[in-house]
Amino acid sequence: MNHYLLIYHLGPGYLERRPEFRAEHLALAWAAAERGELLLGGAVEDPVDTAMLLFAGEGPDVAETFAQADPYVTAGLVERWNVRRWTTVVGAHAAAPVRP
């Protein structure tokens, strides 16, 4: 199992437009969490211009599929997004634990 960060670059007016799409976005996110795919997700503050969602899977497709279905993306609240493999090495849930 590997970790993947889905990074959203939020567009202008994100906070003002978010309420219209938030329930559908959160339903999609909680469904992914219940399947064990989405581990954590949320916006980065000060300013709210980025959001990050941490996925677990064999490849980046689980994060990519989520983004393609996310109403924040399809409605244009997200200007662009990308998925990066994150090699986690420390912590109880590290994908590739490295101990001294």
PDB file of N, CA and C in Angstrom:
ATOM      1  N   MET A   1       0.848  -1.179   0.000  1.00  0.00           N
ATOM      2  CA  MET A   1       0.000   0.000   0.000  1.00  0.00           C
ATOM      3  C   MET A   1       0.891   1.240   0.000  1.00  0.00           C
ATOM      4  N   ASN A   2       0.566   2.196  -0.842  1.00  0.00           N
ATOM      5  CA  ASN A   2       1.303   3.452  -0.949  1.00  0.00           C
ATOM      6  C   ASN A   2       0.398   4.613  -0.562  1.00  0.00           C
ATOM      7  N   HIS A   3       1.013   5.751  -0.293  1.00  0.00           N
ATOM      8  CA  HIS A   3       0.268   6.970   0.004  1.00  0.00           C
ATOM      9  C   HIS A   3       0.392   7.940  -1.176  1.00  0.00           C
ATOM     10  N   TYR A   4      -0.717   8.614  -1.444  1.00  0.00           N
ATOM     11  CA  TYR A   4      -0.776   9.597  -2.526  1.00  0.00           C
ATOM     12  C   TYR A   4      -1.464  10.854  -2.020  1.00  0.00           C
ATOM     13  N   LEU A   5      -0.861  12.005  -2.281  1.00  0.00           N
ATOM     14  CA  LEU A   5      -1.464  13.292  -1.947  1.00  0.00           C
ATOM     15  C   LEU A   5      -2.177  13.824  -3.187  1.00  0.00           C
ATOM     16  N   LEU A   6      -3.450  14.112  -3.032  1.00  0.00           N
ATOM     17  CA  LEU A   6      -4.212  14.815  -4.051  1.00  0.00           C
ATOM     18  C   LEU A   6      -4.172  16.278  -3.638  1.00  0.00           C
ATOM     19  N   ILE A   7      -3.568  17.114  -4.465  1.00  0.00           N
ATOM     20  CA  ILE A   7      -3.375  18.520  -4.129  1.00  0.00           C
ATOM     21  C   ILE A   7      -4.273  19.353  -5.032  1.00  0.00           C
ATOM     22  N   TYR A   8      -5.165  20.099  -4.397  1.00  0.00           N
ATOM     23  CA  TYR A   8      -6.067  20.996  -5.107  1.00  0.00           C
ATOM     24  C   TYR A   8      -5.528  22.419  -5.011  1.00  0.00           C
ATOM     25  N   HIS A   9      -5.481  23.103  -6.148  1.00  0.00           N
ATOM     26  CA  HIS A   9      -5.156  24.522  -6.195  1.00  0.00           C
ATOM     27  C   HIS A   9      -6.496  25.229  -6.418  1.00  0.00           C
ATOM     28  N   LEU A  10      -6.960  25.898  -5.384  1.00  0.00           N
ATOM     29  CA  LEU A  10      -8.316  26.448  -5.368  1.00  0.00           C
ATOM     30  C   LEU A  10      -8.394  27.767  -6.131  1.00  0.00           C
ATOM     31  N   GLY A  11      -9.505  27.936  -6.837  1.00  0.00           N
ATOM     32  CA  GLY A  11      -9.699  29.123  -7.655  1.00  0.00           C
ATOM     33  C   GLY A  11     -10.272  30.293  -6.880  1.00  0.00           C
ATOM     34  N   PRO A  12     -10.294  31.460  -7.520  1.00  0.00           N
ATOM     35  CA  PRO A  12     -10.902  32.644  -6.898  1.00  0.00           C
ATOM     36  C   PRO A  12     -12.377  32.379  -6.611  1.00  0.00           C
ATOM     37  N   GLY A  13     -12.837  32.875  -5.490  1.00  0.00           N
ATOM     38  CA  GLY A  13     -14.240  32.690  -5.126  1.00  0.00           C
ATOM     39  C   GLY A  13     -14.558  31.328  -4.547  1.00  0.00           C
ATOM     40  N   TYR A  14     -13.531  30.532  -4.242  1.00  0.00           N
ATOM     41  CA  TYR A  14     -13.754  29.189  -3.703  1.00  0.00           C
ATOM     42  C   TYR A  14     -14.643  29.220  -2.460  1.00  0.00           C
ATOM     43  N   LEU A  15     -14.299  30.050  -1.488  1.00  0.00           N
ATOM     44  CA  LEU A  15     -15.059  30.070  -0.230  1.00  0.00           C
ATOM     45  C   LEU A  15     -16.505  30.510  -0.437  1.00  0.00           C
ATOM     46  N   GLU A  16     -16.724  31.429  -1.360  1.00  0.00           N
ATOM     47  CA  GLU A  16     -18.083  31.909  -1.617  1.00  0.00           C
ATOM     48  C   GLU A  16     -18.923  30.864  -2.357  1.00  0.00           C
ATOM     49  N   ARG A  17     -18.291  30.095  -3.243  1.00  0.00           N
ATOM     50  CA  ARG A  17     -19.014  29.100  -4.048  1.00  0.00           C
ATOM     51  C   ARG A  17     -19.124  27.735  -3.367  1.00  0.00           C
ATOM     52  N   ARG A  18     -18.279  27.461  -2.400  1.00  0.00           N
ATOM     53  CA  ARG A  18     -18.209  26.144  -1.771  1.00  0.00           C
ATOM     54  C   ARG A  18     -19.527  25.650  -1.195  1.00  0.00           C
ATOM     55  N   PRO A  19     -20.337  26.472  -0.516  1.00  0.00           N
ATOM     56  CA  PRO A  19     -21.546  25.935   0.120  1.00  0.00           C
ATOM     57  C   PRO A  19     -22.484  25.187  -0.833  1.00  0.00           C
ATOM     58  N   GLU A  20     -22.574  25.623  -2.072  1.00  0.00           N
ATOM     59  CA  GLU A  20     -23.459  24.985  -3.043  1.00  0.00           C
ATOM     60  C   GLU A  20     -23.063  23.537  -3.333  1.00  0.00           C
ATOM     61  N   PHE A  21     -21.784  23.206  -3.217  1.00  0.00           N
ATOM     62  CA  PHE A  21     -21.270  21.898  -3.610  1.00  0.00           C
ATOM     63  C   PHE A  21     -20.739  21.079  -2.435  1.00  0.00           C
ATOM     64  N   ARG A  22     -20.745  21.659  -1.250  1.00  0.00           N
ATOM     65  CA  ARG A  22     -20.061  21.026  -0.110  1.00  0.00           C
ATOM     66  C   ARG A  22     -20.682  19.696   0.312  1.00  0.00           C
ATOM     67  N   ALA A  23     -21.993  19.606   0.371  1.00  0.00           N
ATOM     68  CA  ALA A  23     -22.624  18.359   0.815  1.00  0.00           C
ATOM     69  C   ALA A  23     -22.263  17.205  -0.120  1.00  0.00           C
ATOM     70  N   GLU A  24     -22.303  17.449  -1.416  1.00  0.00           N
ATOM     71  CA  GLU A  24     -21.968  16.401  -2.385  1.00  0.00           C
ATOM     72  C   GLU A  24     -20.485  16.034  -2.299  1.00  0.00           C
ATOM     73  N   HIS A  25     -19.628  17.041  -2.134  1.00  0.00           N
ATOM     74  CA  HIS A  25     -18.188  16.800  -1.988  1.00  0.00           C
ATOM     75  C   HIS A  25     -17.917  15.957  -0.744  1.00  0.00           C
ATOM     76  N   LEU A  26     -18.521  16.343   0.386  1.00  0.00           N
ATOM     77  CA  LEU A  26     -18.290  15.605   1.634  1.00  0.00           C
ATOM     78  C   LEU A  26     -18.841  14.196   1.575  1.00  0.00           C
ATOM     79  N   ALA A  27     -19.968  13.988   0.900  1.00  0.00           N
ATOM     80  CA  ALA A  27     -20.513  12.631   0.741  1.00  0.00           C
ATOM     81  C   ALA A  27     -19.535  11.761  -0.042  1.00  0.00           C
ATOM     82  N   LEU A  28     -18.962  12.308  -1.104  1.00  0.00           N
ATOM     83  CA  LEU A  28     -17.976  11.582  -1.897  1.00  0.00           C
ATOM     84  C   LEU A  28     -16.744  11.264  -1.056  1.00  0.00           C
ATOM     85  N   ALA A  29     -16.294  12.244  -0.266  1.00  0.00           N
ATOM     86  CA  ALA A  29     -15.103  12.064   0.561  1.00  0.00           C
ATOM     87  C   ALA A  29     -15.336  11.025   1.659  1.00  0.00           C
ATOM     88  N   TRP A  30     -16.463  11.111   2.346  1.00  0.00           N
ATOM     89  CA  TRP A  30     -16.732  10.146   3.419  1.00  0.00           C
ATOM     90  C   TRP A  30     -16.918   8.737   2.863  1.00  0.00           C
ATOM     91  N   ALA A  31     -17.478   8.595   1.685  1.00  0.00           N
ATOM     92  CA  ALA A  31     -17.611   7.270   1.059  1.00  0.00           C
ATOM     93  C   ALA A  31     -16.226   6.698   0.767  1.00  0.00           C
ATOM     94  N   ALA A  32     -15.308   7.535   0.278  1.00  0.00           N
ATOM     95  CA  ALA A  32     -13.938   7.091   0.017  1.00  0.00           C
ATOM     96  C   ALA A  32     -13.235   6.725   1.321  1.00  0.00           C
ATOM     97  N   ALA A  33     -13.499   7.483   2.376  1.00  0.00           N
ATOM     98  CA  ALA A  33     -12.907   7.176   3.684  1.00  0.00           C
ATOM     99  C   ALA A  33     -13.432   5.851   4.225  1.00  0.00           C
ATOM    100  N   GLU A  34     -14.713   5.623   4.077  1.00  0.00           N
ATOM    101  CA  GLU A  34     -15.303   4.366   4.563  1.00  0.00           C
ATOM    102  C   GLU A  34     -14.766   3.155   3.799  1.00  0.00           C
ATOM    103  N   ARG A  35     -14.359   3.339   2.552  1.00  0.00           N
ATOM    104  CA  ARG A  35     -13.746   2.256   1.772  1.00  0.00           C
ATOM    105  C   ARG A  35     -12.267   2.079   2.106  1.00  0.00           C
ATOM    106  N   GLY A  36     -11.713   2.974   2.938  1.00  0.00           N
ATOM    107  CA  GLY A  36     -10.307   2.902   3.318  1.00  0.00           C
ATOM    108  C   GLY A  36      -9.370   3.556   2.320  1.00  0.00           C
ATOM    109  N   GLU A  37      -9.920   4.295   1.358  1.00  0.00           N
ATOM    110  CA  GLU A  37      -9.093   4.937   0.335  1.00  0.00           C
ATOM    111  C   GLU A  37      -8.599   6.313   0.779  1.00  0.00           C
ATOM    112  N   LEU A  38      -9.470   7.100   1.354  1.00  0.00           N
ATOM    113  CA  LEU A  38      -9.134   8.461   1.795  1.00  0.00           C
ATOM    114  C   LEU A  38      -8.853   8.425   3.291  1.00  0.00           C
ATOM    115  N   LEU A  39      -7.653   8.832   3.669  1.00  0.00           N
ATOM    116  CA  LEU A  39      -7.255   8.794   5.079  1.00  0.00           C
ATOM    117  C   LEU A  39      -7.498  10.126   5.776  1.00  0.00           C
ATOM    118  N   LEU A  40      -7.190  11.225   5.101  1.00  0.00           N
ATOM    119  CA  LEU A  40      -7.357  12.572   5.656  1.00  0.00           C
ATOM    120  C   LEU A  40      -7.596  13.538   4.513  1.00  0.00           C
ATOM    121  N   GLY A  41      -8.283  14.614   4.795  1.00  0.00           N
ATOM    122  CA  GLY A  41      -8.471  15.635   3.776  1.00  0.00           C
ATOM    123  C   GLY A  41      -8.898  16.941   4.397  1.00  0.00           C
ATOM    124  N   GLY A  42      -8.533  18.048   3.752  1.00  0.00           N
ATOM    125  CA  GLY A  42      -8.959  19.355   4.225  1.00  0.00           C
ATOM    126  C   GLY A  42      -8.204  20.471   3.543  1.00  0.00           C
ATOM    127  N   ALA A  43      -8.651  21.686   3.801  1.00  0.00           N
ATOM    128  CA  ALA A  43      -8.053  22.881   3.207  1.00  0.00           C
ATOM    129  C   ALA A  43      -6.884  23.368   4.048  1.00  0.00           C
ATOM    130  N   VAL A  44      -5.934  24.000   3.382  1.00  0.00           N
ATOM    131  CA  VAL A  44      -4.812  24.656   4.040  1.00  0.00           C
ATOM    132  C   VAL A  44      -5.217  26.116   4.221  1.00  0.00           C
ATOM    133  N   GLU A  45      -5.040  26.633   5.430  1.00  0.00           N
ATOM    134  CA  GLU A  45      -5.526  27.974   5.744  1.00  0.00           C
ATOM    135  C   GLU A  45      -4.450  29.049   5.644  1.00  0.00           C
ATOM    136  N   ASP A  46      -4.958  30.267   5.638  1.00  0.00           N
ATOM    137  CA  ASP A  46      -4.153  31.496   5.697  1.00  0.00           C
ATOM    138  C   ASP A  46      -3.145  31.618   4.568  1.00  0.00           C
ATOM    139  N   PRO A  47      -3.563  31.753   3.359  1.00  0.00           N
ATOM    140  CA  PRO A  47      -4.938  31.833   2.855  1.00  0.00           C
ATOM    141  C   PRO A  47      -5.468  30.459   2.462  1.00  0.00           C
ATOM    142  N   VAL A  48      -6.776  30.367   2.297  1.00  0.00           N
ATOM    143  CA  VAL A  48      -7.399  29.126   1.831  1.00  0.00           C
ATOM    144  C   VAL A  48      -7.268  29.119   0.303  1.00  0.00           C
ATOM    145  N   ASP A  49      -6.128  28.589  -0.160  1.00  0.00           N
ATOM    146  CA  ASP A  49      -5.870  28.525  -1.594  1.00  0.00           C
ATOM    147  C   ASP A  49      -5.468  27.132  -2.071  1.00  0.00           C
ATOM    148  N   THR A  50      -5.357  26.220  -1.096  1.00  0.00           N
ATOM    149  CA  THR A  50      -4.923  24.861  -1.379  1.00  0.00           C
ATOM    150  C   THR A  50      -5.697  23.905  -0.482  1.00  0.00           C
ATOM    151  N   ALA A  51      -5.962  22.709  -0.999  1.00  0.00           N
ATOM    152  CA  ALA A  51      -6.503  21.632  -0.174  1.00  0.00           C
ATOM    153  C   ALA A  51      -5.685  20.385  -0.465  1.00  0.00           C
ATOM    154  N   MET A  52      -5.571  19.513   0.530  1.00  0.00           N
ATOM    155  CA  MET A  52      -4.815  18.271   0.374  1.00  0.00           C
ATOM    156  C   MET A  52      -5.630  17.118   0.909  1.00  0.00           C
ATOM    157  N   LEU A  53      -5.600  16.032   0.156  1.00  0.00           N
ATOM    158  CA  LEU A  53      -6.303  14.824   0.547  1.00  0.00           C
ATOM    159  C   LEU A  53      -5.307  13.672   0.456  1.00  0.00           C
ATOM    160  N   LEU A  54      -5.193  12.900   1.512  1.00  0.00           N
ATOM    161  CA  LEU A  54      -4.249  11.791   1.580  1.00  0.00           C
ATOM    162  C   LEU A  54      -4.974  10.485   1.294  1.00  0.00           C
ATOM    163  N   PHE A  55      -4.542   9.805   0.241  1.00  0.00           N
ATOM    164  CA  PHE A  55      -5.136   8.532  -0.168  1.00  0.00           C
ATOM    165  C   PHE A  55      -4.155   7.392   0.040  1.00  0.00           C
ATOM    166  N   ALA A  56      -4.686   6.190   0.220  1.00  0.00           N
ATOM    167  CA  ALA A  56      -3.894   4.970   0.293  1.00  0.00           C
ATOM    168  C   ALA A  56      -4.346   4.059  -0.842  1.00  0.00           C
ATOM    169  N   GLY A  57      -3.392   3.473  -1.534  1.00  0.00           N
ATOM    170  CA  GLY A  57      -3.739   2.574  -2.619  1.00  0.00           C
ATOM    171  C   GLY A  57      -2.493   2.003  -3.269  1.00  0.00           C
ATOM    172  N   GLU A  58      -2.705   1.122  -4.218  1.00  0.00           N
ATOM    173  CA  GLU A  58      -1.592   0.512  -4.938  1.00  0.00           C
ATOM    174  C   GLU A  58      -1.030   1.463  -5.989  1.00  0.00           C
ATOM    175  N   GLY A  59      -1.850   2.407  -6.433  1.00  0.00           N
ATOM    176  CA  GLY A  59      -1.413   3.366  -7.437  1.00  0.00           C
ATOM    177  C   GLY A  59      -2.192   4.658  -7.291  1.00  0.00           C
ATOM    178  N   PRO A  60      -1.874   5.657  -8.115  1.00  0.00           N
ATOM    179  CA  PRO A  60      -2.502   6.970  -8.001  1.00  0.00           C
ATOM    180  C   PRO A  60      -3.941   7.012  -8.496  1.00  0.00           C
ATOM    181  N   ASP A  61      -4.407   5.939  -9.119  1.00  0.00           N
ATOM    182  CA  ASP A  61      -5.730   5.956  -9.751  1.00  0.00           C
ATOM    183  C   ASP A  61      -6.862   6.243  -8.773  1.00  0.00           C
ATOM    184  N   VAL A  62      -6.760   5.809  -7.527  1.00  0.00           N
ATOM    185  CA  VAL A  62      -7.848   6.050  -6.571  1.00  0.00           C
ATOM    186  C   VAL A  62      -8.005   7.552  -6.313  1.00  0.00           C
ATOM    187  N   ALA A  63      -6.889   8.265  -6.205  1.00  0.00           N
ATOM    188  CA  ALA A  63      -6.940   9.716  -6.000  1.00  0.00           C
ATOM    189  C   ALA A  63      -7.396  10.424  -7.274  1.00  0.00           C
ATOM    190  N   GLU A  64      -6.909   9.981  -8.414  1.00  0.00           N
ATOM    191  CA  GLU A  64      -7.290  10.591  -9.691  1.00  0.00           C
ATOM    192  C   GLU A  64      -8.785  10.410  -9.966  1.00  0.00           C
ATOM    193  N   THR A  65      -9.300   9.217  -9.695  1.00  0.00           N
ATOM    194  CA  THR A  65     -10.717   8.934  -9.900  1.00  0.00           C
ATOM    195  C   THR A  65     -11.572   9.811  -8.997  1.00  0.00           C
ATOM    196  N   PHE A  66     -11.133   9.991  -7.750  1.00  0.00           N
ATOM    197  CA  PHE A  66     -11.846  10.858  -6.821  1.00  0.00           C
ATOM    198  C   PHE A  66     -11.921  12.271  -7.390  1.00  0.00           C
ATOM    199  N   ALA A  67     -10.785  12.821  -7.811  1.00  0.00           N
ATOM    200  CA  ALA A  67     -10.750  14.195  -8.311  1.00  0.00           C
ATOM    201  C   ALA A  67     -11.659  14.365  -9.522  1.00  0.00           C
ATOM    202  N   GLN A  68     -11.653  13.409 -10.425  1.00  0.00           N
ATOM    203  CA  GLN A  68     -12.464  13.512 -11.635  1.00  0.00           C
ATOM    204  C   GLN A  68     -13.960  13.520 -11.339  1.00  0.00           C
ATOM    205  N   ALA A  69     -14.356  12.939 -10.198  1.00  0.00           N
ATOM    206  CA  ALA A  69     -15.774  12.880  -9.818  1.00  0.00           C
ATOM    207  C   ALA A  69     -16.170  13.975  -8.831  1.00  0.00           C
ATOM    208  N   ASP A  70     -15.206  14.679  -8.274  1.00  0.00           N
ATOM    209  CA  ASP A  70     -15.465  15.660  -7.215  1.00  0.00           C
ATOM    210  C   ASP A  70     -16.181  16.892  -7.778  1.00  0.00           C
ATOM    211  N   PRO A  71     -17.318  17.274  -7.197  1.00  0.00           N
ATOM    212  CA  PRO A  71     -18.022  18.461  -7.681  1.00  0.00           C
ATOM    213  C   PRO A  71     -17.204  19.745  -7.547  1.00  0.00           C
ATOM    214  N   TYR A  72     -16.273  19.809  -6.622  1.00  0.00           N
ATOM    215  CA  TYR A  72     -15.402  20.976  -6.534  1.00  0.00           C
ATOM    216  C   TYR A  72     -14.576  21.123  -7.820  1.00  0.00           C
ATOM    217  N   VAL A  73     -14.183  19.994  -8.391  1.00  0.00           N
ATOM    218  CA  VAL A  73     -13.416  20.000  -9.637  1.00  0.00           C
ATOM    219  C   VAL A  73     -14.342  20.244 -10.823  1.00  0.00           C
ATOM    220  N   THR A  74     -15.417  19.477 -10.900  1.00  0.00           N
ATOM    221  CA  THR A  74     -16.290  19.569 -12.077  1.00  0.00           C
ATOM    222  C   THR A  74     -16.994  20.918 -12.169  1.00  0.00           C
ATOM    223  N   ALA A  75     -17.205  21.588 -11.035  1.00  0.00           N
ATOM    224  CA  ALA A  75     -17.860  22.904 -11.036  1.00  0.00           C
ATOM    225  C   ALA A  75     -16.858  24.056 -11.157  1.00  0.00           C
ATOM    226  N   GLY A  76     -15.563  23.738 -11.196  1.00  0.00           N
ATOM    227  CA  GLY A  76     -14.554  24.767 -11.392  1.00  0.00           C
ATOM    228  C   GLY A  76     -14.063  25.481 -10.151  1.00  0.00           C
ATOM    229  N   LEU A  77     -14.388  24.992  -8.967  1.00  0.00           N
ATOM    230  CA  LEU A  77     -13.858  25.598  -7.749  1.00  0.00           C
ATOM    231  C   LEU A  77     -12.360  25.322  -7.613  1.00  0.00           C
ATOM    232  N   VAL A  78     -11.917  24.214  -8.200  1.00  0.00           N
ATOM    233  CA  VAL A  78     -10.507  23.833  -8.217  1.00  0.00           C
ATOM    234  C   VAL A  78      -9.945  24.236  -9.576  1.00  0.00           C
ATOM    235  N   GLU A  79      -8.941  25.117  -9.571  1.00  0.00           N
ATOM    236  CA  GLU A  79      -8.322  25.565 -10.825  1.00  0.00           C
ATOM    237  C   GLU A  79      -7.531  24.454 -11.489  1.00  0.00           C
ATOM    238  N   ARG A  80      -6.776  23.725 -10.669  1.00  0.00           N
ATOM    239  CA  ARG A  80      -6.000  22.589 -11.164  1.00  0.00           C
ATOM    240  C   ARG A  80      -5.696  21.674  -9.989  1.00  0.00           C
ATOM    241  N   TRP A  81      -5.373  20.423 -10.310  1.00  0.00           N
ATOM    242  CA  TRP A  81      -5.038  19.465  -9.270  1.00  0.00           C
ATOM    243  C   TRP A  81      -3.939  18.549  -9.786  1.00  0.00           C
ATOM    244  N   ASN A  82      -3.241  17.946  -8.843  1.00  0.00           N
ATOM    245  CA  ASN A  82      -2.238  16.946  -9.197  1.00  0.00           C
ATOM    246  C   ASN A  82      -2.142  15.921  -8.081  1.00  0.00           C
ATOM    247  N   VAL A  83      -1.614  14.772  -8.430  1.00  0.00           N
ATOM    248  CA  VAL A  83      -1.437  13.677  -7.474  1.00  0.00           C
ATOM    249  C   VAL A  83       0.051  13.386  -7.380  1.00  0.00           C
ATOM    250  N   ARG A  84       0.548  13.300  -6.145  1.00  0.00           N
ATOM    251  CA  ARG A  84       1.957  12.997  -5.894  1.00  0.00           C
ATOM    252  C   ARG A  84       2.058  11.815  -4.942  1.00  0.00           C
ATOM    253  N   ARG A  85       2.918  10.873  -5.291  1.00  0.00           N
ATOM    254  CA  ARG A  85       3.195   9.777  -4.359  1.00  0.00           C
ATOM    255  C   ARG A  85       3.988  10.355  -3.191  1.00  0.00           C
ATOM    256  N   TRP A  86       3.563   9.990  -1.978  1.00  0.00           N
ATOM    257  CA  TRP A  86       4.225  10.462  -0.763  1.00  0.00           C
ATOM    258  C   TRP A  86       4.826   9.242  -0.075  1.00  0.00           C
ATOM    259  N   THR A  87       6.133   9.177  -0.014  1.00  0.00           N
ATOM    260  CA  THR A  87       6.813   8.064   0.631  1.00  0.00           C
ATOM    261  C   THR A  87       6.852   8.329   2.127  1.00  0.00           C
ATOM    262  N   THR A  88       5.894   7.750   2.842  1.00  0.00           N
ATOM    263  CA  THR A  88       5.810   7.947   4.292  1.00  0.00           C
ATOM    264  C   THR A  88       6.689   6.908   4.976  1.00  0.00           C
ATOM    265  N   VAL A  89       7.557   7.357   5.890  1.00  0.00           N
ATOM    266  CA  VAL A  89       8.537   6.463   6.503  1.00  0.00           C
ATOM    267  C   VAL A  89       8.455   6.396   8.027  1.00  0.00           C
ATOM    268  N   VAL A  90       7.741   7.339   8.654  1.00  0.00           N
ATOM    269  CA  VAL A  90       7.650   7.362  10.111  1.00  0.00           C
ATOM    270  C   VAL A  90       6.185   7.442  10.523  1.00  0.00           C
ATOM    271  N   GLY A  91       5.843   6.674  11.537  1.00  0.00           N
ATOM    272  CA  GLY A  91       4.487   6.698  12.077  1.00  0.00           C
ATOM    273  C   GLY A  91       3.824   5.339  11.966  1.00  0.00           C
ATOM    274  N   ALA A  92       2.788   5.183  12.736  1.00  0.00           N
ATOM    275  CA  ALA A  92       2.079   3.897  12.798  1.00  0.00           C
ATOM    276  C   ALA A  92       1.513   3.461  11.456  1.00  0.00           C
ATOM    277  N   HIS A  93       1.207   4.414  10.575  1.00  0.00           N
ATOM    278  CA  HIS A  93       0.587   4.080   9.294  1.00  0.00           C
ATOM    279  C   HIS A  93       1.516   4.329   8.114  1.00  0.00           C
ATOM    280  N   ALA A  94       2.810   4.428   8.376  1.00  0.00           N
ATOM    281  CA  ALA A  94       3.778   4.672   7.307  1.00  0.00           C
ATOM    282  C   ALA A  94       3.717   3.542   6.286  1.00  0.00           C
ATOM    283  N   ALA A  95       3.794   3.917   5.002  1.00  0.00           N
ATOM    284  CA  ALA A  95       3.736   2.927   3.928  1.00  0.00           C
ATOM    285  C   ALA A  95       5.061   2.172   3.790  1.00  0.00           C
ATOM    286  N   ALA A  96       6.174   2.839   4.117  1.00  0.00           N
ATOM    287  CA  ALA A  96       7.512   2.224   3.987  1.00  0.00           C
ATOM    288  C   ALA A  96       8.325   2.576   5.236  1.00  0.00           C
ATOM    289  N   PRO A  97       7.970   1.970   6.385  1.00  0.00           N
ATOM    290  CA  PRO A  97       8.624   2.336   7.638  1.00  0.00           C
ATOM    291  C   PRO A  97      10.144   2.166   7.588  1.00  0.00           C
ATOM    292  N   VAL A  98      10.840   3.154   8.114  1.00  0.00           N
ATOM    293  CA  VAL A  98      12.298   3.103   8.238  1.00  0.00           C
ATOM    294  C   VAL A  98      12.623   3.429   9.685  1.00  0.00           C
ATOM    295  N   ARG A  99      13.272   2.487  10.326  1.00  0.00           N
ATOM    296  CA  ARG A  99      13.639   2.683  11.738  1.00  0.00           C
ATOM    297  C   ARG A  99      15.167   2.692  11.855  1.00  0.00           C
ATOM    298  N   PRO A 100      15.673   3.481  12.793  1.00  0.00           N
ATOM    299  CA  PRO A 100      17.132   3.521  12.986  1.00  0.00           C
ATOM    300  C   PRO A 100      17.666   2.204  13.534  1.00  0.00           C
TER     301      PRO A 100
END
